[in-house]
PDB file of N, CA and C in Angstrom:
ATOM      1  N   MET A   1     -20.924 -13.269   2.207  1.00  0.00           N
ATOM      2  CA  MET A   1     -20.210 -12.294   1.408  1.00  0.00           C
ATOM      3  C   MET A   1     -18.762 -12.765   1.234  1.00  0.00           C
ATOM      4  N   LYS A   2     -18.267 -12.650   0.022  1.00  0.00           N
ATOM      5  CA  LYS A   2     -16.893 -13.030  -0.290  1.00  0.00           C
ATOM      6  C   LYS A   2     -15.940 -11.943   0.191  1.00  0.00           C
ATOM      7  N   LYS A   3     -14.903 -12.341   0.928  1.00  0.00           N
ATOM      8  CA  LYS A   3     -13.933 -11.372   1.430  1.00  0.00           C
ATOM      9  C   LYS A   3     -12.638 -11.508   0.656  1.00  0.00           C
ATOM     10  N   LYS A   4     -11.966 -10.376   0.484  1.00  0.00           N
ATOM     11  CA  LYS A   4     -10.698 -10.342  -0.229  1.00  0.00           C
ATOM     12  C   LYS A   4      -9.628  -9.813   0.699  1.00  0.00           C
ATOM     13  N   ALA A   5      -8.418 -10.208   0.458  1.00  0.00           N
ATOM     14  CA  ALA A   5      -7.295  -9.698   1.235  1.00  0.00           C
ATOM     15  C   ALA A   5      -6.111  -9.484   0.316  1.00  0.00           C
ATOM     16  N   ILE A   6      -5.380  -8.436   0.587  1.00  0.00           N
ATOM     17  CA  ILE A   6      -4.115  -8.193  -0.101  1.00  0.00           C
ATOM     18  C   ILE A   6      -3.036  -8.291   0.966  1.00  0.00           C
ATOM     19  N   VAL A   7      -2.069  -9.118   0.732  1.00  0.00           N
ATOM     20  CA  VAL A   7      -0.992  -9.294   1.689  1.00  0.00           C
ATOM     21  C   VAL A   7       0.294  -8.804   1.045  1.00  0.00           C
ATOM     22  N   LEU A   8       0.970  -7.886   1.729  1.00  0.00           N
ATOM     23  CA  LEU A   8       2.259  -7.384   1.245  1.00  0.00           C
ATOM     24  C   LEU A   8       3.362  -8.030   2.052  1.00  0.00           C
ATOM     25  N   ILE A   9       4.328  -8.580   1.374  1.00  0.00           N
ATOM     26  CA  ILE A   9       5.496  -9.118   2.044  1.00  0.00           C
ATOM     27  C   ILE A   9       6.682  -8.311   1.550  1.00  0.00           C
ATOM     28  N   ALA A  10       7.278  -7.559   2.451  1.00  0.00           N
ATOM     29  CA  ALA A  10       8.407  -6.718   2.073  1.00  0.00           C
ATOM     30  C   ALA A  10       9.630  -7.599   1.862  1.00  0.00           C
ATOM     31  N   GLN A  11      10.239  -7.464   0.714  1.00  0.00           N
ATOM     32  CA  GLN A  11      11.444  -8.220   0.412  1.00  0.00           C
ATOM     33  C   GLN A  11      12.635  -7.284   0.453  1.00  0.00           C
ATOM     34  N   ASN A  12      13.729  -7.778   0.891  1.00  0.00           N
ATOM     35  CA  ASN A  12      14.936  -6.975   0.979  1.00  0.00           C
ATOM     36  C   ASN A  12      15.718  -7.097  -0.324  1.00  0.00           C
ATOM     37  N   THR A  13      15.087  -6.668  -1.402  1.00  0.00           N
ATOM     38  CA  THR A  13      15.745  -6.733  -2.706  1.00  0.00           C
ATOM     39  C   THR A  13      16.057  -5.325  -3.167  1.00  0.00           C
ATOM     40  N   ARG A  14      17.171  -5.141  -3.746  1.00  0.00           N
ATOM     41  CA  ARG A  14      17.568  -3.850  -4.303  1.00  0.00           C
ATOM     42  C   ARG A  14      17.678  -4.002  -5.792  1.00  0.00           C
ATOM     43  N   ASN A  15      16.783  -3.339  -6.518  1.00  0.00           N
ATOM     44  CA  ASN A  15      16.763  -3.452  -7.965  1.00  0.00           C
ATOM     45  C   ASN A  15      16.602  -2.044  -8.514  1.00  0.00           C
ATOM     46  N   ASN A  16      17.484  -1.623  -9.349  1.00  0.00           N
ATOM     47  CA  ASN A  16      17.454  -0.256  -9.858  1.00  0.00           C
ATOM     48  C   ASN A  16      16.735  -0.119 -11.194  1.00  0.00           C
ATOM     49  N   ASN A  17      15.977  -1.129 -11.613  1.00  0.00           N
ATOM     50  CA  ASN A  17      15.230  -1.026 -12.865  1.00  0.00           C
ATOM     51  C   ASN A  17      14.162   0.048 -12.730  1.00  0.00           C
ATOM     52  N   ALA A  18      14.034   0.874 -13.737  1.00  0.00           N
ATOM     53  CA  ALA A  18      13.051   1.963 -13.714  1.00  0.00           C
ATOM     54  C   ALA A  18      11.652   1.399 -13.543  1.00  0.00           C
ATOM     55  N   GLY A  19      10.858   2.033 -12.705  1.00  0.00           N
ATOM     56  CA  GLY A  19       9.474   1.628 -12.490  1.00  0.00           C
ATOM     57  C   GLY A  19       9.290   0.612 -11.388  1.00  0.00           C
ATOM     58  N   GLU A  20      10.309  -0.193 -11.097  1.00  0.00           N
ATOM     59  CA  GLU A  20      10.158  -1.207 -10.063  1.00  0.00           C
ATOM     60  C   GLU A  20      10.192  -0.605  -8.667  1.00  0.00           C
ATOM     61  N   ASN A  21      10.810   0.549  -8.504  1.00  0.00           N
ATOM     62  CA  ASN A  21      10.884   1.196  -7.205  1.00  0.00           C
ATOM     63  C   ASN A  21       9.884   2.337  -7.080  1.00  0.00           C
ATOM     64  N   LYS A  22       8.961   2.448  -8.025  1.00  0.00           N
ATOM     65  CA  LYS A  22       7.981   3.517  -8.005  1.00  0.00           C
ATOM     66  C   LYS A  22       7.075   3.370  -6.783  1.00  0.00           C
ATOM     67  N   MET A  23       6.785   4.486  -6.130  1.00  0.00           N
ATOM     68  CA  MET A  23       5.909   4.483  -4.970  1.00  0.00           C
ATOM     69  C   MET A  23       4.505   4.066  -5.388  1.00  0.00           C
ATOM     70  N   LYS A  24       3.904   3.178  -4.617  1.00  0.00           N
ATOM     71  CA  LYS A  24       2.547   2.708  -4.867  1.00  0.00           C
ATOM     72  C   LYS A  24       1.724   2.915  -3.602  1.00  0.00           C
ATOM     73  N   ALA A  25       0.405   3.015  -3.764  1.00  0.00           N
ATOM     74  CA  ALA A  25      -0.498   3.156  -2.631  1.00  0.00           C
ATOM     75  C   ALA A  25      -1.665   2.201  -2.811  1.00  0.00           C
ATOM     76  N   ILE A  26      -1.962   1.424  -1.781  1.00  0.00           N
ATOM     77  CA  ILE A  26      -3.136   0.563  -1.792  1.00  0.00           C
ATOM     78  C   ILE A  26      -4.226   1.296  -1.022  1.00  0.00           C
ATOM     79  N   VAL A  27      -5.375   1.510  -1.675  1.00  0.00           N
ATOM     80  CA  VAL A  27      -6.495   2.236  -1.070  1.00  0.00           C
ATOM     81  C   VAL A  27      -7.729   1.321  -1.013  1.00  0.00           C
ATOM     82  N   ASN A  28      -8.737   1.738  -0.243  1.00  0.00           N
ATOM     83  CA  ASN A  28     -10.012   1.022  -0.117  1.00  0.00           C
ATOM     84  C   ASN A  28      -9.875  -0.373   0.473  1.00  0.00           C
ATOM     85  N   GLY A  29      -8.944  -0.530   1.381  1.00  0.00           N
ATOM     86  CA  GLY A  29      -8.781  -1.807   2.066  1.00  0.00           C
ATOM     87  C   GLY A  29      -8.642  -1.575   3.555  1.00  0.00           C
ATOM     88  N   LYS A  30      -8.536  -2.642   4.295  1.00  0.00           N
ATOM     89  CA  LYS A  30      -8.281  -2.559   5.731  1.00  0.00           C
ATOM     90  C   LYS A  30      -6.816  -2.892   5.964  1.00  0.00           C
ATOM     91  N   ILE A  31      -6.156  -2.082   6.767  1.00  0.00           N
ATOM     92  CA  ILE A  31      -4.757  -2.328   7.115  1.00  0.00           C
ATOM     93  C   ILE A  31      -4.773  -2.934   8.515  1.00  0.00           C
ATOM     94  N   ILE A  32      -4.355  -4.168   8.609  1.00  0.00           N
ATOM     95  CA  ILE A  32      -4.403  -4.880   9.884  1.00  0.00           C
ATOM     96  C   ILE A  32      -3.039  -4.791  10.555  1.00  0.00           C
ATOM     97  N   LEU A  33      -3.014  -4.074  11.670  1.00  0.00           N
ATOM     98  CA  LEU A  33      -1.796  -3.916  12.456  1.00  0.00           C
ATOM     99  C   LEU A  33      -1.869  -4.832  13.682  1.00  0.00           C
ATOM    100  N   LYS A  34      -0.787  -4.910  14.404  1.00  0.00           N
ATOM    101  CA  LYS A  34      -0.739  -5.781  15.571  1.00  0.00           C
ATOM    102  C   LYS A  34      -1.798  -5.404  16.617  1.00  0.00           C
ATOM    103  N   ASP A  35      -2.040  -4.105  16.770  1.00  0.00           N
ATOM    104  CA  ASP A  35      -2.932  -3.651  17.840  1.00  0.00           C
ATOM    105  C   ASP A  35      -4.243  -3.023  17.375  1.00  0.00           C
ATOM    106  N   ARG A  36      -4.456  -2.910  16.056  1.00  0.00           N
ATOM    107  CA  ARG A  36      -5.693  -2.289  15.575  1.00  0.00           C
ATOM    108  C   ARG A  36      -5.873  -2.527  14.077  1.00  0.00           C
ATOM    109  N   ILE A  37      -7.067  -2.186  13.582  1.00  0.00           N
ATOM    110  CA  ILE A  37      -7.375  -2.240  12.155  1.00  0.00           C
ATOM    111  C   ILE A  37      -7.615  -0.809  11.692  1.00  0.00           C
ATOM    112  N   VAL A  38      -6.946  -0.406  10.625  1.00  0.00           N
ATOM    113  CA  VAL A  38      -7.037   0.959  10.106  1.00  0.00           C
ATOM    114  C   VAL A  38      -7.855   0.944   8.817  1.00  0.00           C
ATOM    115  N   GLU A  39      -8.871   1.809   8.739  1.00  0.00           N
ATOM    116  CA  GLU A  39      -9.674   1.955   7.523  1.00  0.00           C
ATOM    117  C   GLU A  39      -9.634   3.410   7.082  1.00  0.00           C
ATOM    118  N   GLY A  40      -9.872   3.655   5.792  1.00  0.00           N
ATOM    119  CA  GLY A  40      -9.891   5.020   5.274  1.00  0.00           C
ATOM    120  C   GLY A  40      -8.508   5.601   5.043  1.00  0.00           C
ATOM    121  N   SER A  41      -7.510   4.761   5.090  1.00  0.00           N
ATOM    122  CA  SER A  41      -6.135   5.203   4.871  1.00  0.00           C
ATOM    123  C   SER A  41      -5.535   4.425   3.707  1.00  0.00           C
ATOM    124  N   ALA A  42      -4.350   4.819   3.319  1.00  0.00           N
ATOM    125  CA  ALA A  42      -3.649   4.149   2.226  1.00  0.00           C
ATOM    126  C   ALA A  42      -2.301   3.661   2.723  1.00  0.00           C
ATOM    127  N   LEU A  43      -1.887   2.524   2.245  1.00  0.00           N
ATOM    128  CA  LEU A  43      -0.587   1.961   2.568  1.00  0.00           C
ATOM    129  C   LEU A  43       0.369   2.333   1.451  1.00  0.00           C
ATOM    130  N   LEU A  44       1.444   3.049   1.774  1.00  0.00           N
ATOM    131  CA  LEU A  44       2.438   3.457   0.778  1.00  0.00           C
ATOM    132  C   LEU A  44       3.617   2.493   0.825  1.00  0.00           C
ATOM    133  N   TYR A  45       4.073   2.083  -0.364  1.00  0.00           N
ATOM    134  CA  TYR A  45       5.245   1.212  -0.408  1.00  0.00           C
ATOM    135  C   TYR A  45       5.963   1.348  -1.737  1.00  0.00           C
ATOM    136  N   SER A  46       7.232   1.020  -1.719  1.00  0.00           N
ATOM    137  CA  SER A  46       8.019   0.859  -2.940  1.00  0.00           C
ATOM    138  C   SER A  46       8.619  -0.532  -2.804  1.00  0.00           C
ATOM    139  N   ASN A  47       9.852  -0.658  -2.403  1.00  0.00           N
ATOM    140  CA  ASN A  47      10.395  -1.983  -2.086  1.00  0.00           C
ATOM    141  C   ASN A  47      10.069  -2.382  -0.664  1.00  0.00           C
ATOM    142  N   VAL A  48       9.805  -1.402   0.182  1.00  0.00           N
ATOM    143  CA  VAL A  48       9.433  -1.638   1.578  1.00  0.00           C
ATOM    144  C   VAL A  48       8.231  -0.760   1.905  1.00  0.00           C
ATOM    145  N   ILE A  49       7.535  -1.086   2.976  1.00  0.00           N
ATOM    146  CA  ILE A  49       6.413  -0.260   3.402  1.00  0.00           C
ATOM    147  C   ILE A  49       6.958   1.071   3.891  1.00  0.00           C
ATOM    148  N   GLU A  50       6.440   2.147   3.321  1.00  0.00           N
ATOM    149  CA  GLU A  50       6.910   3.498   3.637  1.00  0.00           C
ATOM    150  C   GLU A  50       6.071   4.162   4.714  1.00  0.00           C
ATOM    151  N   GLY A  51       4.775   3.829   4.787  1.00  0.00           N
ATOM    152  CA  GLY A  51       3.935   4.440   5.795  1.00  0.00           C
ATOM    153  C   GLY A  51       2.463   4.282   5.485  1.00  0.00           C
ATOM    154  N   ILE A  52       1.646   4.778   6.412  1.00  0.00           N
ATOM    155  CA  ILE A  52       0.197   4.784   6.270  1.00  0.00           C
ATOM    156  C   ILE A  52      -0.236   6.240   6.302  1.00  0.00           C
ATOM    157  N   VAL A  53      -0.992   6.660   5.303  1.00  0.00           N
ATOM    158  CA  VAL A  53      -1.422   8.060   5.201  1.00  0.00           C
ATOM    159  C   VAL A  53      -2.922   8.106   4.912  1.00  0.00           C
ATOM    160  N   PRO A  54      -3.577   9.238   5.214  1.00  0.00           N
ATOM    161  CA  PRO A  54      -4.984   9.375   4.825  1.00  0.00           C
ATOM    162  C   PRO A  54      -5.116   9.195   3.310  1.00  0.00           C
ATOM    163  N   ALA A  55      -6.166   8.492   2.890  1.00  0.00           N
ATOM    164  CA  ALA A  55      -6.342   8.182   1.472  1.00  0.00           C
ATOM    165  C   ALA A  55      -6.456   9.434   0.609  1.00  0.00           C
ATOM    166  N   ASP A  56      -6.892  10.544   1.198  1.00  0.00           N
ATOM    167  CA  ASP A  56      -7.025  11.777   0.415  1.00  0.00           C
ATOM    168  C   ASP A  56      -5.759  12.633   0.444  1.00  0.00           C
ATOM    169  N   LYS A  57      -4.681  12.130   1.014  1.00  0.00           N
ATOM    170  CA  LYS A  57      -3.413  12.872   1.106  1.00  0.00           C
ATOM    171  C   LYS A  57      -2.263  12.121   0.441  1.00  0.00           C
ATOM    172  N   LEU A  58      -2.550  11.448  -0.654  1.00  0.00           N
ATOM    173  CA  LEU A  58      -1.512  10.681  -1.349  1.00  0.00           C
ATOM    174  C   LEU A  58      -0.515  11.615  -2.019  1.00  0.00           C
ATOM    175  N   PRO A  59       0.755  11.236  -2.018  1.00  0.00           N
ATOM    176  CA  PRO A  59       1.750  12.042  -2.726  1.00  0.00           C
ATOM    177  C   PRO A  59       1.452  12.082  -4.230  1.00  0.00           C
ATOM    178  N   GLU A  60       1.839  13.151  -4.861  1.00  0.00           N
ATOM    179  CA  GLU A  60       1.631  13.304  -6.303  1.00  0.00           C
ATOM    180  C   GLU A  60       2.452  12.261  -7.058  1.00  0.00           C
ATOM    181  N   GLY A  61       1.859  11.688  -8.095  1.00  0.00           N
ATOM    182  CA  GLY A  61       2.576  10.747  -8.957  1.00  0.00           C
ATOM    183  C   GLY A  61       2.604   9.324  -8.475  1.00  0.00           C
ATOM    184  N   VAL A  62       1.997   9.034  -7.326  1.00  0.00           N
ATOM    185  CA  VAL A  62       2.000   7.670  -6.791  1.00  0.00           C
ATOM    186  C   VAL A  62       1.022   6.806  -7.600  1.00  0.00           C
ATOM    187  N   GLU A  63       1.406   5.544  -7.856  1.00  0.00           N
ATOM    188  CA  GLU A  63       0.524   4.600  -8.541  1.00  0.00           C
ATOM    189  C   GLU A  63      -0.496   4.083  -7.528  1.00  0.00           C
ATOM    190  N   VAL A  64      -1.786   4.186  -7.843  1.00  0.00           N
ATOM    191  CA  VAL A  64      -2.842   3.793  -6.906  1.00  0.00           C
ATOM    192  C   VAL A  64      -3.383   2.410  -7.284  1.00  0.00           C
ATOM    193  N   ILE A  65      -3.440   1.531  -6.285  1.00  0.00           N
ATOM    194  CA  ILE A  65      -4.005   0.197  -6.454  1.00  0.00           C
ATOM    195  C   ILE A  65      -5.262   0.149  -5.587  1.00  0.00           C
ATOM    196  N   ASP A  66      -6.410  -0.134  -6.205  1.00  0.00           N
ATOM    197  CA  ASP A  66      -7.682  -0.165  -5.499  1.00  0.00           C
ATOM    198  C   ASP A  66      -7.956  -1.580  -4.999  1.00  0.00           C
ATOM    199  N   ALA A  67      -7.955  -1.762  -3.672  1.00  0.00           N
ATOM    200  CA  ALA A  67      -8.169  -3.087  -3.087  1.00  0.00           C
ATOM    201  C   ALA A  67      -9.625  -3.531  -3.177  1.00  0.00           C
ATOM    202  N   LYS A  68     -10.507  -2.608  -3.536  1.00  0.00           N
ATOM    203  CA  LYS A  68     -11.930  -2.954  -3.648  1.00  0.00           C
ATOM    204  C   LYS A  68     -12.181  -3.823  -4.881  1.00  0.00           C
ATOM    205  N   GLY A  69     -11.298  -3.733  -5.847  1.00  0.00           N
ATOM    206  CA  GLY A  69     -11.442  -4.571  -7.017  1.00  0.00           C
ATOM    207  C   GLY A  69     -11.959  -3.884  -8.238  1.00  0.00           C
TER     208      GLY A  69
END
């Protein structure tokens, strides 16, 4: 089976262009942490990672990226 991975690298860039700082959520993937693997959750980020939340509790207006493809 072919496996896919999405890797986020947080950059310390400050850009005030509209839309570039919009909150995004990656869903349907595995979040690999130092001490565990999290499934069924979403990774929230804008310019930096904001947090991990249950996939069914996404903030309103967030852009959703489906890691399943």
